[in-house]
């Protein structure tokens, strides 16, 4: 998603010694926006992988009896406007009424010179400042070409979250009226547990990983990419809890991380296009999640 990821070090050649020091400091202190990350997989390569079926998506539940969402993130990337000054953009975002009480902090990339940021694809869309709600559940990260809105724990449901994301999109167009949004990503991180979800391993979901005729059910890290519509793709990362690093709920057994994002050809013409795309991305994310969860587990856990 889009919303987070590790950075590479390409594009640093030719910088001065002070600039290299700034970049080095950035990489030494930078952390993922997500509250967890997946360690590098050392599992064997599967000969055959079967993930989900279409039948489960015909009647998707509105919610589960016990929510598994630990983080939801929207990321909007936009192309630079030569007439816009980043500091002014930051100030206008911080002036949103519902965000005025948020704590403000500079991020490591704020000290990287603008020419280096623009030249390095890994830095171009990284945020420079962060606004965090007093209780820490909402984070807004803003950069010269990106804004990311994150909800961590206590997910309020799509009705509330959708309204919050519309506020983000509408304010972006108020701050930069002619903004060109080039990429939209919506990412959900789910922590499935043995106690409240009854998920003990991959076999309790609609996933089969087979190597040399033997089904694997533990210590797995599975990543796959899907085309979910004419304009959207998804990256699904599913891993057993031993691959997760960071803060996850106790008794978590499987992490399901689904990032739905626009294809490279995407271009929004106005705020309505952005909002429509966010709604579509949410629908596709739900489809991917419940296909992975499987019909049996979905029927058992659904609330509606």
Protein backbone atom coordinates (compact mmCIF):
# COMPACT_ATOMS: atom_id res chain seq x y z
CA UNK A 1 0.00 0.00 0.00
CA UNK A 2 0.92 1.80 -0.54
CA UNK A 3 0.73 3.52 2.85
CA UNK A 4 4.10 2.26 4.19
CA UNK A 5 7.22 0.42 3.11
CA UNK A 6 10.94 0.18 3.49
CA UNK A 7 13.06 2.63 1.57
CA UNK A 8 15.93 1.85 -0.74
CA UNK A 9 19.15 3.83 -0.94
CA UNK A 10 19.22 4.40 -4.66
CA UNK A 11 19.64 7.90 -5.98
CA UNK A 12 22.04 9.10 -3.28
CA UNK A 13 25.10 9.30 -5.52
CA UNK A 14 26.53 12.73 -6.18
CA UNK A 15 25.40 14.36 -2.93
CA UNK A 16 27.74 16.37 -0.78
CA UNK A 17 29.18 15.05 2.49
CA UNK A 18 26.72 17.05 4.66
CA UNK A 19 23.82 15.90 2.53
CA UNK A 20 24.96 12.28 2.76
CA UNK A 21 25.15 12.66 6.52
CA UNK A 22 21.55 13.91 6.62
CA UNK A 23 20.39 11.01 4.46
CA UNK A 24 22.32 8.53 6.62
CA UNK A 25 20.74 9.98 9.75
CA UNK A 26 17.34 9.65 8.16
CA UNK A 27 17.80 5.97 7.38
CA UNK A 28 19.15 5.26 10.84
CA UNK A 29 16.08 6.73 12.56
CA UNK A 30 13.29 6.08 10.06
CA UNK A 31 10.56 3.66 11.14
CA UNK A 32 7.62 2.12 9.31
CA UNK A 33 4.33 3.91 9.69
CA UNK A 34 2.60 0.60 10.38
CA UNK A 35 2.65 -0.63 13.96
CA UNK A 36 4.24 -3.89 12.90
CA UNK A 37 6.47 -5.18 10.14
CA UNK A 38 7.17 -8.60 8.67
CA UNK A 39 10.62 -10.07 8.93
CA UNK A 40 12.30 -11.44 5.82
CA UNK A 41 10.96 -14.86 4.95
CA UNK A 42 13.23 -17.88 5.01
CA UNK A 43 10.41 -20.31 4.27
CA UNK A 44 10.70 -22.65 1.26
CA UNK A 45 9.15 -21.57 -2.02
CA UNK A 46 5.76 -23.18 -2.51
CA UNK A 47 5.06 -25.27 -5.59
CA UNK A 48 1.34 -24.51 -5.34
CA UNK A 49 -0.66 -21.89 -3.50
CA UNK A 50 -4.46 -21.70 -3.39
CA UNK A 51 -5.98 -18.58 -1.78
CA UNK A 52 -9.70 -18.15 -1.28
CA UNK A 53 -12.72 -18.58 -3.51
CA UNK A 54 -15.10 -16.13 -5.14
CA UNK A 55 -18.16 -17.65 -3.42
CA UNK A 56 -17.44 -15.94 -0.11
CA UNK A 57 -17.56 -12.46 -1.67
CA UNK A 58 -21.19 -12.74 -2.82
CA UNK A 59 -22.57 -11.70 0.56
CA UNK A 60 -19.90 -9.94 2.57
CA UNK A 61 -20.53 -9.25 6.26
CA UNK A 62 -20.59 -5.64 7.39
CA UNK A 63 -18.42 -6.54 10.37
CA UNK A 64 -17.13 -9.38 12.49
CA UNK A 65 -18.30 -10.18 16.01
CA UNK A 66 -14.76 -9.41 17.19
CA UNK A 67 -12.93 -6.95 14.96
CA UNK A 68 -9.47 -7.99 13.79
CA UNK A 69 -8.37 -4.59 12.41
CA UNK A 70 -5.33 -3.14 14.18
CA UNK A 71 -4.54 -0.42 11.65
CA UNK A 72 -6.19 1.24 8.64
CA UNK A 73 -4.29 3.71 6.46
CA UNK A 74 -5.17 5.93 3.51
CA UNK A 75 -2.32 7.38 1.46
CA UNK A 76 -2.81 10.05 -1.22
CA UNK A 77 0.17 10.89 -3.44
CA UNK A 78 0.09 14.00 -5.56
CA UNK A 79 2.38 15.71 -8.03
CA UNK A 80 4.10 19.01 -7.18
CA UNK A 81 2.65 22.40 -7.98
CA UNK A 82 5.47 24.83 -8.76
CA UNK A 83 3.51 27.64 -7.11
CA UNK A 84 3.08 25.78 -3.81
CA UNK A 85 5.42 26.27 -0.86
CA UNK A 86 5.65 23.10 1.31
CA UNK A 87 5.71 25.03 4.60
CA UNK A 88 2.47 26.80 3.69
CA UNK A 89 0.87 23.47 2.73
CA UNK A 90 1.88 22.00 6.09
CA UNK A 91 0.41 24.97 7.95
CA UNK A 92 -2.89 24.79 6.13
CA UNK A 93 -3.25 21.09 6.85
CA UNK A 94 -2.51 21.62 10.53
CA UNK A 95 -5.26 24.26 10.61
CA UNK A 96 -8.10 21.76 10.01
CA UNK A 97 -10.49 22.31 12.91
CA UNK A 98 -10.75 18.65 13.94
CA UNK A 99 -6.92 18.34 13.93
CA UNK A 100 -6.04 21.55 15.81
CA UNK A 101 -5.57 19.76 19.13
CA UNK A 102 -3.21 17.19 17.62
CA UNK A 103 0.43 17.02 18.68
CA UNK A 104 2.84 18.09 15.95
CA UNK A 105 6.25 16.58 15.24
CA UNK A 106 8.90 16.88 12.56
CA UNK A 107 9.91 13.61 10.90
CA UNK A 108 13.50 12.78 9.87
CA UNK A 109 12.84 13.57 6.19
CA UNK A 110 12.08 17.19 7.11
CA UNK A 111 15.85 17.79 7.30
CA UNK A 112 16.62 16.33 3.88
CA UNK A 113 17.09 19.05 1.22
CA UNK A 114 14.22 19.30 -1.26
CA UNK A 115 16.39 18.57 -4.36
CA UNK A 116 17.49 15.25 -2.83
CA UNK A 117 13.93 14.32 -1.94
CA UNK A 118 12.67 15.06 -5.46
CA UNK A 119 15.52 13.14 -7.10
CA UNK A 120 15.17 10.00 -4.98
CA UNK A 121 12.10 7.87 -5.72
CA UNK A 122 12.33 6.40 -2.23
CA UNK A 123 12.10 9.81 -0.57
CA UNK A 124 9.83 11.72 -2.93
CA UNK A 125 6.58 10.60 -1.33
CA UNK A 126 7.76 10.40 2.28
CA UNK A 127 6.09 12.65 4.89
CA UNK A 128 7.89 15.47 6.71
CA UNK A 129 5.57 16.24 9.60
CA UNK A 130 3.17 14.23 11.72
CA UNK A 131 0.02 15.20 13.58
CA UNK A 132 -1.08 12.78 16.31
CA UNK A 133 -4.33 12.84 18.26
CA UNK A 134 -4.03 13.25 22.05
CA UNK A 135 -4.88 9.58 22.69
CA UNK A 136 -2.59 8.43 19.87
CA UNK A 137 -5.16 6.54 17.80
CA UNK A 138 -5.10 8.89 14.78
CA UNK A 139 -2.02 9.98 12.85
CA UNK A 140 -1.79 12.33 9.87
CA UNK A 141 1.53 12.39 8.05
CA UNK A 142 2.13 15.15 5.52
CA UNK A 143 4.86 15.70 2.96
CA UNK A 144 5.32 17.95 -0.08
CA UNK A 145 3.75 15.22 -2.26
CA UNK A 146 1.85 12.96 0.13
CA UNK A 147 -0.69 12.81 2.92
CA UNK A 148 -1.38 9.65 4.92
CA UNK A 149 -4.20 9.22 7.42
CA UNK A 150 -3.92 6.34 9.88
CA UNK A 151 -6.28 4.79 12.43
CA UNK A 152 -4.65 2.47 14.96
CA UNK A 153 -6.69 0.22 17.26
CA UNK A 154 -10.35 0.87 18.14
CA UNK A 155 -11.40 0.95 14.47
CA UNK A 156 -14.66 2.97 14.42
CA UNK A 157 -16.24 1.19 11.46
CA UNK A 158 -16.32 2.16 7.79
CA UNK A 159 -19.10 4.73 8.22
CA UNK A 160 -16.99 6.89 10.55
CA UNK A 161 -13.64 6.12 8.89
CA UNK A 162 -15.03 6.91 5.43
CA UNK A 163 -16.19 10.35 6.64
CA UNK A 164 -12.71 11.00 8.06
CA UNK A 165 -11.07 10.03 4.75
CA UNK A 166 -13.43 12.31 2.84
CA UNK A 167 -12.35 15.16 5.14
CA UNK A 168 -8.72 14.42 4.21
CA UNK A 169 -9.45 14.40 0.47
CA UNK A 170 -11.61 17.53 0.54
CA UNK A 171 -9.06 19.46 2.56
CA UNK A 172 -6.28 18.48 0.15
CA UNK A 173 -8.28 20.09 -2.67
CA UNK A 174 -8.93 23.18 -0.54
CA UNK A 175 -5.22 23.56 0.21
CA UNK A 176 -4.14 22.83 -3.39
CA UNK A 177 -7.20 23.48 -5.63
CA UNK A 178 -5.62 22.14 -8.83
CA UNK A 179 -3.82 19.20 -7.23
CA UNK A 180 -3.09 16.17 -9.39
CA UNK A 181 -3.60 13.03 -7.27
CA UNK A 182 -1.56 10.31 -8.95
CA UNK A 183 -1.92 7.43 -6.51
CA UNK A 184 -4.42 6.29 -3.88
CA UNK A 185 -3.72 3.47 -1.48
CA UNK A 186 -5.95 1.96 1.22
CA UNK A 187 -4.34 -0.53 3.57
CA UNK A 188 -5.81 -2.64 6.36
CA UNK A 189 -3.76 -4.67 8.83
CA UNK A 190 -5.67 -7.44 10.62
CA UNK A 191 -4.50 -9.55 13.56
CA UNK A 192 -6.37 -12.85 13.73
CA UNK A 193 -6.30 -14.55 17.14
CA UNK A 194 -6.76 -18.07 18.43
CA UNK A 195 -8.98 -17.07 21.35
CA UNK A 196 -11.59 -14.75 19.82
CA UNK A 197 -11.39 -15.67 16.11
CA UNK A 198 -10.62 -19.38 16.38
CA UNK A 199 -7.75 -19.02 13.89
CA UNK A 200 -4.83 -21.19 15.01
CA UNK A 201 -2.96 -21.39 11.70
CA UNK A 202 -3.40 -21.10 7.92
CA UNK A 203 -5.50 -24.30 7.84
CA UNK A 204 -8.29 -22.44 9.65
CA UNK A 205 -8.52 -20.06 6.67
CA UNK A 206 -9.07 -20.62 2.95
CA UNK A 207 -5.36 -20.90 2.17
CA UNK A 208 -3.44 -23.96 1.03
CA UNK A 209 0.33 -23.93 0.64
CA UNK A 210 1.79 -27.19 -0.63
CA UNK A 211 5.46 -28.12 -1.06
CA UNK A 212 6.37 -31.51 -2.55
CA UNK A 213 2.89 -32.80 -1.76
CA UNK A 214 3.03 -31.70 1.87
CA UNK A 215 0.72 -28.97 3.21
CA UNK A 216 2.45 -26.26 5.22
CA UNK A 217 0.44 -24.76 8.06
CA UNK A 218 2.83 -22.92 10.37
CA UNK A 219 5.65 -20.38 10.15
CA UNK A 220 4.60 -19.02 6.76
CA UNK A 221 5.04 -15.64 5.09
CA UNK A 222 2.94 -15.43 1.94
CA UNK A 223 2.88 -12.38 -0.38
CA UNK A 224 0.88 -12.10 -3.59
CA UNK A 225 -0.34 -9.40 -5.95
CA UNK A 226 -3.79 -9.32 -7.59
CA UNK A 227 -5.60 -7.20 -10.16
CA UNK A 228 -8.95 -6.45 -8.54
CA UNK A 229 -10.49 -4.00 -11.03
CA UNK A 230 -9.66 -2.02 -14.15
CA UNK A 231 -7.95 0.67 -12.04
CA UNK A 232 -6.96 -1.13 -8.82
CA UNK A 233 -4.43 -3.71 -7.71
CA UNK A 234 -3.86 -5.30 -4.33
CA UNK A 235 -0.85 -6.61 -2.46
CA UNK A 236 -1.72 -9.18 0.19
CA UNK A 237 0.79 -10.13 2.86
CA UNK A 238 -0.26 -13.00 5.11
CA UNK A 239 2.09 -14.28 7.78
CA UNK A 240 2.12 -16.36 10.91
CA UNK A 241 2.72 -14.33 14.06
CA UNK A 242 6.37 -15.38 14.38
CA UNK A 243 7.16 -13.19 11.37
CA UNK A 244 5.59 -10.09 12.93
CA UNK A 245 7.80 -7.52 14.61
CA UNK A 246 6.38 -4.83 16.85
CA UNK A 247 3.14 -4.39 18.74
CA UNK A 248 0.46 -6.99 18.01
CA UNK A 249 -2.36 -8.26 20.27
CA UNK A 250 -1.70 -11.24 22.51
CA UNK A 251 -2.63 -14.66 21.09
CA UNK A 252 -2.34 -13.35 17.52
CA UNK A 253 -1.66 -16.28 15.21
CA UNK A 254 -1.96 -14.83 11.69
CA UNK A 255 -1.42 -11.31 10.32
CA UNK A 256 -3.42 -10.37 7.21
CA UNK A 257 -2.14 -7.15 5.62
CA UNK A 258 -4.03 -6.06 2.48
CA UNK A 259 -3.06 -2.97 0.52
CA UNK A 260 -5.35 -1.90 -2.36
CA UNK A 261 -3.92 0.83 -4.59
CA UNK A 262 -4.40 2.47 -7.96
CA UNK A 263 -2.50 1.37 -11.04
CA UNK A 264 0.28 3.54 -12.46
CA UNK A 265 -2.05 4.92 -15.14
CA UNK A 266 -4.43 6.40 -12.55
CA UNK A 267 -5.16 10.12 -12.48
CA UNK A 268 -7.93 11.81 -10.46
CA UNK A 269 -9.64 14.79 -12.09
CA UNK A 270 -11.30 16.11 -8.93
CA UNK A 271 -12.14 15.32 -5.32
CA UNK A 272 -15.20 13.29 -6.31
CA UNK A 273 -12.93 10.95 -8.31
CA UNK A 274 -10.74 10.49 -5.24
CA UNK A 275 -13.67 9.74 -2.92
CA UNK A 276 -15.19 7.31 -5.42
CA UNK A 277 -11.85 5.51 -5.74
CA UNK A 278 -11.49 5.25 -1.94
CA UNK A 279 -14.94 3.66 -1.69
CA UNK A 280 -14.09 1.21 -4.47
CA UNK A 281 -10.75 0.36 -2.82
CA UNK A 282 -12.55 -0.38 0.45
CA UNK A 283 -14.97 -2.76 -1.30
CA UNK A 284 -12.08 -4.58 -3.00
CA UNK A 285 -10.12 -4.79 0.25
CA UNK A 286 -13.09 -6.46 1.96
CA UNK A 287 -13.41 -8.94 -0.88
CA UNK A 288 -9.73 -9.88 -0.64
CA UNK A 289 -9.85 -10.22 3.15
CA UNK A 290 -12.92 -12.47 3.25
CA UNK A 291 -11.65 -14.61 0.37
CA UNK A 292 -8.54 -15.28 2.43
CA UNK A 293 -10.51 -15.83 5.63
CA UNK A 294 -12.76 -18.34 3.85
CA UNK A 295 -16.48 -19.06 3.93
CA UNK A 296 -16.46 -21.30 7.00
CA UNK A 297 -14.60 -18.82 9.22
CA UNK A 298 -16.56 -15.88 7.78
CA UNK A 299 -19.92 -17.49 8.53
CA UNK A 300 -18.77 -18.35 12.04
CA UNK A 301 -17.39 -14.86 12.83
CA UNK A 302 -19.82 -12.55 11.04
CA UNK A 303 -22.05 -10.37 13.20
CA UNK A 304 -24.75 -9.47 10.64
